[in-house]
Amino acid sequence: MENEIKKGKQKIDLNLIESERARAISFSKRKETLFQDAENLGNQSRDEVGVMFFSPGGKPFSCGSTSIEDIIDKFLKGKLEDRQRDHAEGKPIGFEELADLHKEFKMPNEKERR
């Protein structure tokens, strides 16, 4: 036991599960764990947390510290207020996302040059 090699944290390769049945089984096993993790995160951070995803069959599942609809509405309202504030300040609306994408694509190119 004392000469046992410990693996520690290792990178796990994520591959698509080819069998639809195996994919559905994997989804159902992990669904509850994801909901529990979201609930724990909300309790620890005392923020509103919501999770929404779709099963391989297309059925929606959601869980939130409050109703998922309230969380989405609050998020969209905040986005709208941000856009209105940016417009009032004279900032162009919609170009922030483009600038962020440009930065993301620019960074790997700089690494390749080195």
PDB file of N, CA and C in Angstrom:
ATOM      1  N   MET A   1       0.814  -1.187   0.000  1.00  0.00           N
ATOM      2  CA  MET A   1       0.000   0.000   0.000  1.00  0.00           C
ATOM      3  C   MET A   1       0.859   1.253   0.000  1.00  0.00           C
ATOM      4  N   GLU A   2       2.008   1.242   0.694  1.00  0.00           N
ATOM      5  CA  GLU A   2       2.808   2.458   0.747  1.00  0.00           C
ATOM      6  C   GLU A   2       3.532   2.721  -0.571  1.00  0.00           C
ATOM      7  N   ASN A   3       3.721   1.714  -1.414  1.00  0.00           N
ATOM      8  CA  ASN A   3       4.342   1.910  -2.718  1.00  0.00           C
ATOM      9  C   ASN A   3       3.309   2.121  -3.827  1.00  0.00           C
ATOM     10  N   GLU A   4       2.070   2.305  -3.428  1.00  0.00           N
ATOM     11  CA  GLU A   4       0.989   2.471  -4.384  1.00  0.00           C
ATOM     12  C   GLU A   4       1.131   3.817  -5.115  1.00  0.00           C
ATOM     13  N   ILE A   5       1.014   3.779  -6.423  1.00  0.00           N
ATOM     14  CA  ILE A   5       1.117   4.990  -7.224  1.00  0.00           C
ATOM     15  C   ILE A   5      -0.244   5.666  -7.253  1.00  0.00           C
ATOM     16  N   LYS A   6      -0.240   6.934  -6.879  1.00  0.00           N
ATOM     17  CA  LYS A   6      -1.488   7.694  -6.885  1.00  0.00           C
ATOM     18  C   LYS A   6      -1.588   8.470  -8.182  1.00  0.00           C
ATOM     19  N   LYS A   7      -2.777   8.473  -8.739  1.00  0.00           N
ATOM     20  CA  LYS A   7      -2.976   9.134 -10.024  1.00  0.00           C
ATOM     21  C   LYS A   7      -3.253  10.621  -9.866  1.00  0.00           C
ATOM     22  N   GLY A   8      -3.890  11.016  -8.795  1.00  0.00           N
ATOM     23  CA  GLY A   8      -4.225  12.426  -8.612  1.00  0.00           C
ATOM     24  C   GLY A   8      -5.206  12.887  -9.676  1.00  0.00           C
ATOM     25  N   LYS A   9      -5.181  14.170  -9.945  1.00  0.00           N
ATOM     26  CA  LYS A   9      -6.069  14.707 -10.973  1.00  0.00           C
ATOM     27  C   LYS A   9      -5.473  14.421 -12.335  1.00  0.00           C
ATOM     28  N   GLN A  10      -6.279  13.895 -13.203  1.00  0.00           N
ATOM     29  CA  GLN A  10      -5.838  13.598 -14.554  1.00  0.00           C
ATOM     30  C   GLN A  10      -6.844  14.153 -15.536  1.00  0.00           C
ATOM     31  N   LYS A  11      -6.360  14.490 -16.698  1.00  0.00           N
ATOM     32  CA  LYS A  11      -7.238  14.971 -17.749  1.00  0.00           C
ATOM     33  C   LYS A  11      -8.032  13.787 -18.285  1.00  0.00           C
ATOM     34  N   ILE A  12      -9.322  14.005 -18.418  1.00  0.00           N
ATOM     35  CA  ILE A  12     -10.203  12.970 -18.938  1.00  0.00           C
ATOM     36  C   ILE A  12     -10.610  13.372 -20.344  1.00  0.00           C
ATOM     37  N   ASP A  13     -10.410  12.487 -21.285  1.00  0.00           N
ATOM     38  CA  ASP A  13     -10.826  12.760 -22.650  1.00  0.00           C
ATOM     39  C   ASP A  13     -12.338  12.644 -22.744  1.00  0.00           C
ATOM     40  N   LEU A  14     -12.956  13.682 -23.295  1.00  0.00           N
ATOM     41  CA  LEU A  14     -14.392  13.672 -23.482  1.00  0.00           C
ATOM     42  C   LEU A  14     -14.696  13.222 -24.896  1.00  0.00           C
ATOM     43  N   ASN A  15     -15.406  12.147 -25.004  1.00  0.00           N
ATOM     44  CA  ASN A  15     -15.781  11.605 -26.302  1.00  0.00           C
ATOM     45  C   ASN A  15     -17.288  11.441 -26.354  1.00  0.00           C
ATOM     46  N   LEU A  16     -17.834  11.561 -27.534  1.00  0.00           N
ATOM     47  CA  LEU A  16     -19.264  11.357 -27.725  1.00  0.00           C
ATOM     48  C   LEU A  16     -19.588   9.889 -27.488  1.00  0.00           C
ATOM     49  N   ILE A  17     -20.611   9.655 -26.696  1.00  0.00           N
ATOM     50  CA  ILE A  17     -21.077   8.286 -26.479  1.00  0.00           C
ATOM     51  C   ILE A  17     -21.889   7.912 -27.703  1.00  0.00           C
ATOM     52  N   GLU A  18     -21.428   6.930 -28.440  1.00  0.00           N
ATOM     53  CA  GLU A  18     -22.025   6.585 -29.732  1.00  0.00           C
ATOM     54  C   GLU A  18     -23.435   6.007 -29.596  1.00  0.00           C
ATOM     55  N   SER A  19     -23.639   5.121 -28.646  1.00  0.00           N
ATOM     56  CA  SER A  19     -24.937   4.468 -28.481  1.00  0.00           C
ATOM     57  C   SER A  19     -25.931   5.433 -27.846  1.00  0.00           C
ATOM     58  N   GLU A  20     -27.075   5.611 -28.493  1.00  0.00           N
ATOM     59  CA  GLU A  20     -28.086   6.508 -27.944  1.00  0.00           C
ATOM     60  C   GLU A  20     -28.602   6.005 -26.600  1.00  0.00           C
ATOM     61  N   ARG A  21     -28.729   4.717 -26.461  1.00  0.00           N
ATOM     62  CA  ARG A  21     -29.204   4.141 -25.196  1.00  0.00           C
ATOM     63  C   ARG A  21     -28.192   4.411 -24.081  1.00  0.00           C
ATOM     64  N   ALA A  22     -26.914   4.201 -24.362  1.00  0.00           N
ATOM     65  CA  ALA A  22     -25.872   4.455 -23.361  1.00  0.00           C
ATOM     66  C   ALA A  22     -25.807   5.948 -23.024  1.00  0.00           C
ATOM     67  N   ARG A  23     -26.029   6.797 -24.013  1.00  0.00           N
ATOM     68  CA  ARG A  23     -26.027   8.244 -23.792  1.00  0.00           C
ATOM     69  C   ARG A  23     -27.181   8.640 -22.872  1.00  0.00           C
ATOM     70  N   ALA A  24     -28.358   8.049 -23.074  1.00  0.00           N
ATOM     71  CA  ALA A  24     -29.523   8.345 -22.237  1.00  0.00           C
ATOM     72  C   ALA A  24     -29.305   7.866 -20.806  1.00  0.00           C
ATOM     73  N   ILE A  25     -28.693   6.710 -20.654  1.00  0.00           N
ATOM     74  CA  ILE A  25     -28.406   6.177 -19.315  1.00  0.00           C
ATOM     75  C   ILE A  25     -27.408   7.080 -18.599  1.00  0.00           C
ATOM     76  N   SER A  26     -26.364   7.491 -19.296  1.00  0.00           N
ATOM     77  CA  SER A  26     -25.362   8.377 -18.712  1.00  0.00           C
ATOM     78  C   SER A  26     -25.991   9.707 -18.293  1.00  0.00           C
ATOM     79  N   PHE A  27     -26.865  10.227 -19.131  1.00  0.00           N
ATOM     80  CA  PHE A  27     -27.556  11.484 -18.821  1.00  0.00           C
ATOM     81  C   PHE A  27     -28.390  11.346 -17.552  1.00  0.00           C
ATOM     82  N   SER A  28     -29.165  10.275 -17.458  1.00  0.00           N
ATOM     83  CA  SER A  28     -30.045  10.117 -16.296  1.00  0.00           C
ATOM     84  C   SER A  28     -29.245   9.936 -15.010  1.00  0.00           C
ATOM     85  N   LYS A  29     -28.079   9.299 -15.087  1.00  0.00           N
ATOM     86  CA  LYS A  29     -27.243   9.111 -13.902  1.00  0.00           C
ATOM     87  C   LYS A  29     -26.642  10.426 -13.425  1.00  0.00           C
ATOM     88  N   ARG A  30     -26.305  11.299 -14.352  1.00  0.00           N
ATOM     89  CA  ARG A  30     -25.624  12.533 -13.995  1.00  0.00           C
ATOM     90  C   ARG A  30     -26.551  13.716 -13.746  1.00  0.00           C
ATOM     91  N   LYS A  31     -27.785  13.597 -14.155  1.00  0.00           N
ATOM     92  CA  LYS A  31     -28.750  14.695 -14.035  1.00  0.00           C
ATOM     93  C   LYS A  31     -28.917  15.135 -12.585  1.00  0.00           C
ATOM     94  N   GLU A  32     -29.176  14.202 -11.694  1.00  0.00           N
ATOM     95  CA  GLU A  32     -29.399  14.541 -10.292  1.00  0.00           C
ATOM     96  C   GLU A  32     -28.153  15.152  -9.663  1.00  0.00           C
ATOM     97  N   THR A  33     -26.983  14.632 -10.025  1.00  0.00           N
ATOM     98  CA  THR A  33     -25.736  15.171  -9.489  1.00  0.00           C
ATOM     99  C   THR A  33     -25.545  16.616  -9.932  1.00  0.00           C
ATOM    100  N   LEU A  34     -25.852  16.914 -11.182  1.00  0.00           N
ATOM    101  CA  LEU A  34     -25.734  18.287 -11.673  1.00  0.00           C
ATOM    102  C   LEU A  34     -26.685  19.219 -10.929  1.00  0.00           C
ATOM    103  N   PHE A  35     -27.891  18.757 -10.673  1.00  0.00           N
ATOM    104  CA  PHE A  35     -28.851  19.570  -9.932  1.00  0.00           C
ATOM    105  C   PHE A  35     -28.374  19.806  -8.499  1.00  0.00           C
ATOM    106  N   GLN A  36     -27.827  18.773  -7.871  1.00  0.00           N
ATOM    107  CA  GLN A  36     -27.318  18.910  -6.511  1.00  0.00           C
ATOM    108  C   GLN A  36     -26.146  19.885  -6.465  1.00  0.00           C
ATOM    109  N   ASP A  37     -25.254  19.803  -7.447  1.00  0.00           N
ATOM    110  CA  ASP A  37     -24.113  20.717  -7.503  1.00  0.00           C
ATOM    111  C   ASP A  37     -24.574  22.161  -7.678  1.00  0.00           C
ATOM    112  N   ALA A  38     -25.579  22.380  -8.505  1.00  0.00           N
ATOM    113  CA  ALA A  38     -26.112  23.731  -8.707  1.00  0.00           C
ATOM    114  C   ALA A  38     -26.738  24.248  -7.416  1.00  0.00           C
ATOM    115  N   GLU A  39     -27.453  23.390  -6.715  1.00  0.00           N
ATOM    116  CA  GLU A  39     -28.073  23.790  -5.450  1.00  0.00           C
ATOM    117  C   GLU A  39     -27.008  24.128  -4.412  1.00  0.00           C
ATOM    118  N   ASN A  40     -25.964  23.317  -4.332  1.00  0.00           N
ATOM    119  CA  ASN A  40     -24.869  23.595  -3.395  1.00  0.00           C
ATOM    120  C   ASN A  40     -24.171  24.909  -3.725  1.00  0.00           C
ATOM    121  N   LEU A  41     -23.952  25.171  -5.007  1.00  0.00           N
ATOM    122  CA  LEU A  41     -23.326  26.426  -5.418  1.00  0.00           C
ATOM    123  C   LEU A  41     -24.187  27.614  -5.017  1.00  0.00           C
ATOM    124  N   GLY A  42     -25.494  27.504  -5.213  1.00  0.00           N
ATOM    125  CA  GLY A  42     -26.395  28.572  -4.809  1.00  0.00           C
ATOM    126  C   GLY A  42     -26.394  28.794  -3.307  1.00  0.00           C
ATOM    127  N   ASN A  43     -26.333  27.720  -2.545  1.00  0.00           N
ATOM    128  CA  ASN A  43     -26.307  27.841  -1.087  1.00  0.00           C
ATOM    129  C   ASN A  43     -25.002  28.453  -0.602  1.00  0.00           C
ATOM    130  N   GLN A  44     -23.887  28.063  -1.202  1.00  0.00           N
ATOM    131  CA  GLN A  44     -22.590  28.573  -0.774  1.00  0.00           C
ATOM    132  C   GLN A  44     -22.384  30.030  -1.155  1.00  0.00           C
ATOM    133  N   SER A  45     -22.828  30.401  -2.350  1.00  0.00           N
ATOM    134  CA  SER A  45     -22.598  31.766  -2.827  1.00  0.00           C
ATOM    135  C   SER A  45     -23.749  32.708  -2.481  1.00  0.00           C
ATOM    136  N   ARG A  46     -24.855  32.148  -2.033  1.00  0.00           N
ATOM    137  CA  ARG A  46     -26.059  32.916  -1.716  1.00  0.00           C
ATOM    138  C   ARG A  46     -26.520  33.755  -2.909  1.00  0.00           C
ATOM    139  N   ASP A  47     -26.322  33.223  -4.088  1.00  0.00           N
ATOM    140  CA  ASP A  47     -26.793  33.832  -5.322  1.00  0.00           C
ATOM    141  C   ASP A  47     -27.869  32.947  -5.922  1.00  0.00           C
ATOM    142  N   GLU A  48     -28.565  33.515  -6.900  1.00  0.00           N
ATOM    143  CA  GLU A  48     -29.543  32.722  -7.624  1.00  0.00           C
ATOM    144  C   GLU A  48     -28.816  31.916  -8.685  1.00  0.00           C
ATOM    145  N   VAL A  49     -29.034  30.620  -8.677  1.00  0.00           N
ATOM    146  CA  VAL A  49     -28.377  29.729  -9.621  1.00  0.00           C
ATOM    147  C   VAL A  49     -29.453  28.925 -10.333  1.00  0.00           C
ATOM    148  N   GLY A  50     -29.310  28.821 -11.634  1.00  0.00           N
ATOM    149  CA  GLY A  50     -30.245  28.028 -12.414  1.00  0.00           C
ATOM    150  C   GLY A  50     -29.506  27.182 -13.425  1.00  0.00           C
ATOM    151  N   VAL A  51     -29.996  25.989 -13.638  1.00  0.00           N
ATOM    152  CA  VAL A  51     -29.418  25.069 -14.606  1.00  0.00           C
ATOM    153  C   VAL A  51     -30.534  24.617 -15.527  1.00  0.00           C
ATOM    154  N   MET A  52     -30.250  24.655 -16.818  1.00  0.00           N
ATOM    155  CA  MET A  52     -31.235  24.190 -17.792  1.00  0.00           C
ATOM    156  C   MET A  52     -30.490  23.430 -18.871  1.00  0.00           C
ATOM    157  N   PHE A  53     -30.940  22.228 -19.159  1.00  0.00           N
ATOM    158  CA  PHE A  53     -30.342  21.455 -20.246  1.00  0.00           C
ATOM    159  C   PHE A  53     -31.398  20.533 -20.835  1.00  0.00           C
ATOM    160  N   PHE A  54     -31.042  19.942 -21.955  1.00  0.00           N
ATOM    161  CA  PHE A  54     -31.966  19.092 -22.687  1.00  0.00           C
ATOM    162  C   PHE A  54     -31.420  17.679 -22.748  1.00  0.00           C
ATOM    163  N   SER A  55     -32.309  16.715 -22.577  1.00  0.00           N
ATOM    164  CA  SER A  55     -31.931  15.310 -22.650  1.00  0.00           C
ATOM    165  C   SER A  55     -31.600  14.961 -24.104  1.00  0.00           C
ATOM    166  N   PRO A  56     -30.947  13.832 -24.317  1.00  0.00           N
ATOM    167  CA  PRO A  56     -30.677  13.414 -25.697  1.00  0.00           C
ATOM    168  C   PRO A  56     -31.953  13.280 -26.528  1.00  0.00           C
ATOM    169  N   GLY A  57     -33.072  13.056 -25.871  1.00  0.00           N
ATOM    170  CA  GLY A  57     -34.348  12.962 -26.574  1.00  0.00           C
ATOM    171  C   GLY A  57     -35.011  14.306 -26.814  1.00  0.00           C
ATOM    172  N   GLY A  58     -34.412  15.379 -26.295  1.00  0.00           N
ATOM    173  CA  GLY A  58     -34.930  16.715 -26.515  1.00  0.00           C
ATOM    174  C   GLY A  58     -35.834  17.230 -25.407  1.00  0.00           C
ATOM    175  N   LYS A  59     -35.998  16.479 -24.325  1.00  0.00           N
ATOM    176  CA  LYS A  59     -36.859  16.910 -23.225  1.00  0.00           C
ATOM    177  C   LYS A  59     -36.092  17.896 -22.346  1.00  0.00           C
ATOM    178  N   PRO A  60     -36.698  19.074 -22.040  1.00  0.00           N
ATOM    179  CA  PRO A  60     -35.985  20.059 -21.216  1.00  0.00           C
ATOM    180  C   PRO A  60     -36.045  19.705 -19.729  1.00  0.00           C
ATOM    181  N   PHE A  61     -34.958  19.985 -19.022  1.00  0.00           N
ATOM    182  CA  PHE A  61     -34.872  19.824 -17.577  1.00  0.00           C
ATOM    183  C   PHE A  61     -34.297  21.098 -17.012  1.00  0.00           C
ATOM    184  N   SER A  62     -34.835  21.546 -15.884  1.00  0.00           N
ATOM    185  CA  SER A  62     -34.307  22.756 -15.263  1.00  0.00           C
ATOM    186  C   SER A  62     -34.410  22.647 -13.752  1.00  0.00           C
ATOM    187  N   CYS A  63     -33.533  23.374 -13.096  1.00  0.00           N
ATOM    188  CA  CYS A  63     -33.499  23.425 -11.644  1.00  0.00           C
ATOM    189  C   CYS A  63     -32.936  24.785 -11.278  1.00  0.00           C
ATOM    190  N   GLY A  64     -33.460  25.396 -10.244  1.00  0.00           N
ATOM    191  CA  GLY A  64     -32.948  26.689  -9.832  1.00  0.00           C
ATOM    192  C   GLY A  64     -33.221  26.959  -8.377  1.00  0.00           C
ATOM    193  N   SER A  65     -32.475  27.925  -7.820  1.00  0.00           N
ATOM    194  CA  SER A  65     -32.688  28.304  -6.436  1.00  0.00           C
ATOM    195  C   SER A  65     -34.058  28.955  -6.283  1.00  0.00           C
ATOM    196  N   THR A  66     -34.509  29.652  -7.331  1.00  0.00           N
ATOM    197  CA  THR A  66     -35.889  30.096  -7.455  1.00  0.00           C
ATOM    198  C   THR A  66     -36.366  29.502  -8.777  1.00  0.00           C
ATOM    199  N   SER A  67     -37.494  29.927  -9.279  1.00  0.00           N
ATOM    200  CA  SER A  67     -37.942  29.342 -10.536  1.00  0.00           C
ATOM    201  C   SER A  67     -36.998  29.768 -11.661  1.00  0.00           C
ATOM    202  N   ILE A  68     -36.785  28.886 -12.594  1.00  0.00           N
ATOM    203  CA  ILE A  68     -35.860  29.153 -13.694  1.00  0.00           C
ATOM    204  C   ILE A  68     -36.363  30.329 -14.536  1.00  0.00           C
ATOM    205  N   GLU A  69     -37.677  30.488 -14.619  1.00  0.00           N
ATOM    206  CA  GLU A  69     -38.243  31.607 -15.372  1.00  0.00           C
ATOM    207  C   GLU A  69     -37.861  32.935 -14.739  1.00  0.00           C
ATOM    208  N   ASP A  70     -37.894  33.008 -13.399  1.00  0.00           N
ATOM    209  CA  ASP A  70     -37.514  34.237 -12.702  1.00  0.00           C
ATOM    210  C   ASP A  70     -36.043  34.567 -12.922  1.00  0.00           C
ATOM    211  N   ILE A  71     -35.203  33.547 -12.897  1.00  0.00           N
ATOM    212  CA  ILE A  71     -33.770  33.762 -13.104  1.00  0.00           C
ATOM    213  C   ILE A  71     -33.511  34.259 -14.518  1.00  0.00           C
ATOM    214  N   ILE A  72     -34.154  33.654 -15.502  1.00  0.00           N
ATOM    215  CA  ILE A  72     -33.975  34.069 -16.893  1.00  0.00           C
ATOM    216  C   ILE A  72     -34.473  35.497 -17.093  1.00  0.00           C
ATOM    217  N   ASP A  73     -35.647  35.810 -16.523  1.00  0.00           N
ATOM    218  CA  ASP A  73     -36.185  37.164 -16.649  1.00  0.00           C
ATOM    219  C   ASP A  73     -35.255  38.196 -16.020  1.00  0.00           C
ATOM    220  N   LYS A  74     -34.711  37.877 -14.853  1.00  0.00           N
ATOM    221  CA  LYS A  74     -33.793  38.798 -14.179  1.00  0.00           C
ATOM    222  C   LYS A  74     -32.525  38.995 -15.006  1.00  0.00           C
ATOM    223  N   PHE A  75     -32.017  37.917 -15.572  1.00  0.00           N
ATOM    224  CA  PHE A  75     -30.819  37.998 -16.412  1.00  0.00           C
ATOM    225  C   PHE A  75     -31.074  38.856 -17.642  1.00  0.00           C
ATOM    226  N   LEU A  76     -32.191  38.604 -18.328  1.00  0.00           N
ATOM    227  CA  LEU A  76     -32.500  39.365 -19.540  1.00  0.00           C
ATOM    228  C   LEU A  76     -32.775  40.831 -19.224  1.00  0.00           C
ATOM    229  N   LYS A  77     -33.407  41.097 -18.098  1.00  0.00           N
ATOM    230  CA  LYS A  77     -33.659  42.478 -17.694  1.00  0.00           C
ATOM    231  C   LYS A  77     -32.336  43.204 -17.445  1.00  0.00           C
ATOM    232  N   GLY A  78     -31.397  42.536 -16.798  1.00  0.00           N
ATOM    233  CA  GLY A  78     -30.078  43.126 -16.561  1.00  0.00           C
ATOM    234  C   GLY A  78     -29.351  43.397 -17.863  1.00  0.00           C
ATOM    235  N   LYS A  79     -29.446  42.467 -18.820  1.00  0.00           N
ATOM    236  CA  LYS A  79     -28.816  42.665 -20.129  1.00  0.00           C
ATOM    237  C   LYS A  79     -29.418  43.873 -20.840  1.00  0.00           C
ATOM    238  N   LEU A  80     -30.751  44.013 -20.777  1.00  0.00           N
ATOM    239  CA  LEU A  80     -31.422  45.129 -21.417  1.00  0.00           C
ATOM    240  C   LEU A  80     -30.992  46.451 -20.789  1.00  0.00           C
ATOM    241  N   GLU A  81     -30.898  46.478 -19.442  1.00  0.00           N
ATOM    242  CA  GLU A  81     -30.458  47.692 -18.762  1.00  0.00           C
ATOM    243  C   GLU A  81     -29.026  48.046 -19.138  1.00  0.00           C
ATOM    244  N   ASP A  82     -28.159  47.032 -19.253  1.00  0.00           N
ATOM    245  CA  ASP A  82     -26.772  47.280 -19.668  1.00  0.00           C
ATOM    246  C   ASP A  82     -26.724  47.885 -21.064  1.00  0.00           C
ATOM    247  N   ARG A  83     -27.509  47.353 -21.966  1.00  0.00           N
ATOM    248  CA  ARG A  83     -27.528  47.867 -23.343  1.00  0.00           C
ATOM    249  C   ARG A  83     -28.061  49.300 -23.387  1.00  0.00           C
ATOM    250  N   GLN A  84     -29.104  49.574 -22.600  1.00  0.00           N
ATOM    251  CA  GLN A  84     -29.651  50.929 -22.577  1.00  0.00           C
ATOM    252  C   GLN A  84     -28.642  51.914 -21.999  1.00  0.00           C
ATOM    253  N   ARG A  85     -27.922  51.505 -20.959  1.00  0.00           N
ATOM    254  CA  ARG A  85     -26.901  52.363 -20.358  1.00  0.00           C
ATOM    255  C   ARG A  85     -25.765  52.614 -21.352  1.00  0.00           C
ATOM    256  N   ASP A  86     -25.347  51.556 -22.043  1.00  0.00           N
ATOM    257  CA  ASP A  86     -24.288  51.713 -23.037  1.00  0.00           C
ATOM    258  C   ASP A  86     -24.723  52.642 -24.159  1.00  0.00           C
ATOM    259  N   HIS A  87     -25.968  52.534 -24.571  1.00  0.00           N
ATOM    260  CA  HIS A  87     -26.489  53.394 -25.636  1.00  0.00           C
ATOM    261  C   HIS A  87     -26.516  54.849 -25.169  1.00  0.00           C
ATOM    262  N   ALA A  88     -26.923  55.057 -23.903  1.00  0.00           N
ATOM    263  CA  ALA A  88     -26.970  56.414 -23.361  1.00  0.00           C
ATOM    264  C   ALA A  88     -25.568  57.013 -23.250  1.00  0.00           C
ATOM    265  N   GLU A  89     -24.567  56.174 -22.995  1.00  0.00           N
ATOM    266  CA  GLU A  89     -23.183  56.643 -22.888  1.00  0.00           C
ATOM    267  C   GLU A  89     -22.521  56.786 -24.249  1.00  0.00           C
ATOM    268  N   GLY A  90     -23.237  56.405 -25.300  1.00  0.00           N
ATOM    269  CA  GLY A  90     -22.691  56.544 -26.648  1.00  0.00           C
ATOM    270  C   GLY A  90     -21.854  55.367 -27.106  1.00  0.00           C
ATOM    271  N   LYS A  91     -21.884  54.275 -26.353  1.00  0.00           N
ATOM    272  CA  LYS A  91     -21.137  53.085 -26.757  1.00  0.00           C
ATOM    273  C   LYS A  91     -21.935  52.326 -27.808  1.00  0.00           C
ATOM    274  N   PRO A  92     -21.254  51.769 -28.795  1.00  0.00           N
ATOM    275  CA  PRO A  92     -21.987  50.979 -29.789  1.00  0.00           C
ATOM    276  C   PRO A  92     -22.524  49.696 -29.159  1.00  0.00           C
ATOM    277  N   ILE A  93     -23.755  49.370 -29.490  1.00  0.00           N
ATOM    278  CA  ILE A  93     -24.411  48.194 -28.919  1.00  0.00           C
ATOM    279  C   ILE A  93     -24.148  46.985 -29.812  1.00  0.00           C
ATOM    280  N   GLY A  94     -23.777  45.868 -29.202  1.00  0.00           N
ATOM    281  CA  GLY A  94     -23.602  44.634 -29.945  1.00  0.00           C
ATOM    282  C   GLY A  94     -22.173  44.361 -30.376  1.00  0.00           C
ATOM    283  N   PHE A  95     -21.309  45.348 -30.284  1.00  0.00           N
ATOM    284  CA  PHE A  95     -19.944  45.151 -30.738  1.00  0.00           C
ATOM    285  C   PHE A  95     -19.034  44.627 -29.629  1.00  0.00           C
ATOM    286  N   GLU A  96     -19.503  44.638 -28.377  1.00  0.00           N
ATOM    287  CA  GLU A  96     -18.676  44.132 -27.290  1.00  0.00           C
ATOM    288  C   GLU A  96     -18.383  42.648 -27.489  1.00  0.00           C
ATOM    289  N   GLU A  97     -19.425  41.894 -27.880  1.00  0.00           N
ATOM    290  CA  GLU A  97     -19.250  40.468 -28.091  1.00  0.00           C
ATOM    291  C   GLU A  97     -18.263  40.205 -29.228  1.00  0.00           C
ATOM    292  N   LEU A  98     -18.356  41.016 -30.274  1.00  0.00           N
ATOM    293  CA  LEU A  98     -17.446  40.866 -31.401  1.00  0.00           C
ATOM    294  C   LEU A  98     -16.010  41.165 -30.980  1.00  0.00           C
ATOM    295  N   ALA A  99     -15.828  42.188 -30.174  1.00  0.00           N
ATOM    296  CA  ALA A  99     -14.483  42.530 -29.686  1.00  0.00           C
ATOM    297  C   ALA A  99     -13.925  41.412 -28.808  1.00  0.00           C
ATOM    298  N   ASP A 100     -14.783  40.814 -27.956  1.00  0.00           N
ATOM    299  CA  ASP A 100     -14.341  39.706 -27.110  1.00  0.00           C
ATOM    300  C   ASP A 100     -13.924  38.501 -27.949  1.00  0.00           C
ATOM    301  N   LEU A 101     -14.713  38.188 -28.983  1.00  0.00           N
ATOM    302  CA  LEU A 101     -14.364  37.070 -29.861  1.00  0.00           C
ATOM    303  C   LEU A 101     -13.042  37.344 -30.579  1.00  0.00           C
ATOM    304  N   HIS A 102     -12.866  38.572 -31.003  1.00  0.00           N
ATOM    305  CA  HIS A 102     -11.629  38.936 -31.686  1.00  0.00           C
ATOM    306  C   HIS A 102     -10.428  38.720 -30.764  1.00  0.00           C
ATOM    307  N   LYS A 103     -10.563  39.102 -29.488  1.00  0.00           N
ATOM    308  CA  LYS A 103      -9.483  38.902 -28.525  1.00  0.00           C
ATOM    309  C   LYS A 103      -9.182  37.418 -28.340  1.00  0.00           C
ATOM    310  N   GLU A 104     -10.249  36.602 -28.259  1.00  0.00           N
ATOM    311  CA  GLU A 104     -10.063  35.159 -28.062  1.00  0.00           C
ATOM    312  C   GLU A 104      -9.321  34.537 -29.241  1.00  0.00           C
ATOM    313  N   PHE A 105      -9.678  34.945 -30.457  1.00  0.00           N
ATOM    314  CA  PHE A 105      -9.024  34.384 -31.628  1.00  0.00           C
ATOM    315  C   PHE A 105      -7.623  34.934 -31.809  1.00  0.00           C
ATOM    316  N   LYS A 106      -7.385  36.122 -31.323  1.00  0.00           N
ATOM    317  CA  LYS A 106      -6.078  36.752 -31.473  1.00  0.00           C
ATOM    318  C   LYS A 106      -5.048  36.102 -30.552  1.00  0.00           C
ATOM    319  N   MET A 107      -5.463  35.700 -29.345  1.00  0.00           N
ATOM    320  CA  MET A 107      -4.542  35.130 -28.366  1.00  0.00           C
ATOM    321  C   MET A 107      -3.861  33.854 -28.868  1.00  0.00           C
ATOM    322  N   PRO A 108      -4.578  32.873 -29.416  1.00  0.00           N
ATOM    323  CA  PRO A 108      -3.889  31.674 -29.903  1.00  0.00           C
ATOM    324  C   PRO A 108      -2.905  31.998 -31.037  1.00  0.00           C
ATOM    325  N   ASN A 109      -3.234  32.966 -31.874  1.00  0.00           N
ATOM    326  CA  ASN A 109      -2.326  33.327 -32.963  1.00  0.00           C
ATOM    327  C   ASN A 109      -1.022  33.902 -32.423  1.00  0.00           C
ATOM    328  N   GLU A 110      -1.084  34.670 -31.342  1.00  0.00           N
ATOM    329  CA  GLU A 110       0.125  35.211 -30.736  1.00  0.00           C
ATOM    330  C   GLU A 110       0.988  34.092 -30.148  1.00  0.00           C
ATOM    331  N   LYS A 111       0.347  33.074 -29.558  1.00  0.00           N
ATOM    332  CA  LYS A 111       1.088  31.943 -28.995  1.00  0.00           C
ATOM    333  C   LYS A 111       1.771  31.147 -30.108  1.00  0.00           C
ATOM    334  N   GLU A 112       1.104  31.005 -31.246  1.00  0.00           N
ATOM    335  CA  GLU A 112       1.676  30.258 -32.363  1.00  0.00           C
ATOM    336  C   GLU A 112       2.891  30.969 -32.933  1.00  0.00           C
ATOM    337  N   ARG A 113       2.882  32.305 -32.915  1.00  0.00           N
ATOM    338  CA  ARG A 113       3.996  33.075 -33.447  1.00  0.00           C
ATOM    339  C   ARG A 113       5.251  32.884 -32.601  1.00  0.00           C
ATOM    340  N   ARG A 114       5.091  32.693 -31.314  1.00  0.00           N
ATOM    341  CA  ARG A 114       6.234  32.532 -30.421  1.00  0.00           C
ATOM    342  C   ARG A 114       6.798  31.167 -30.622  1.00  0.00           C
TER     343      ARG A 114
END
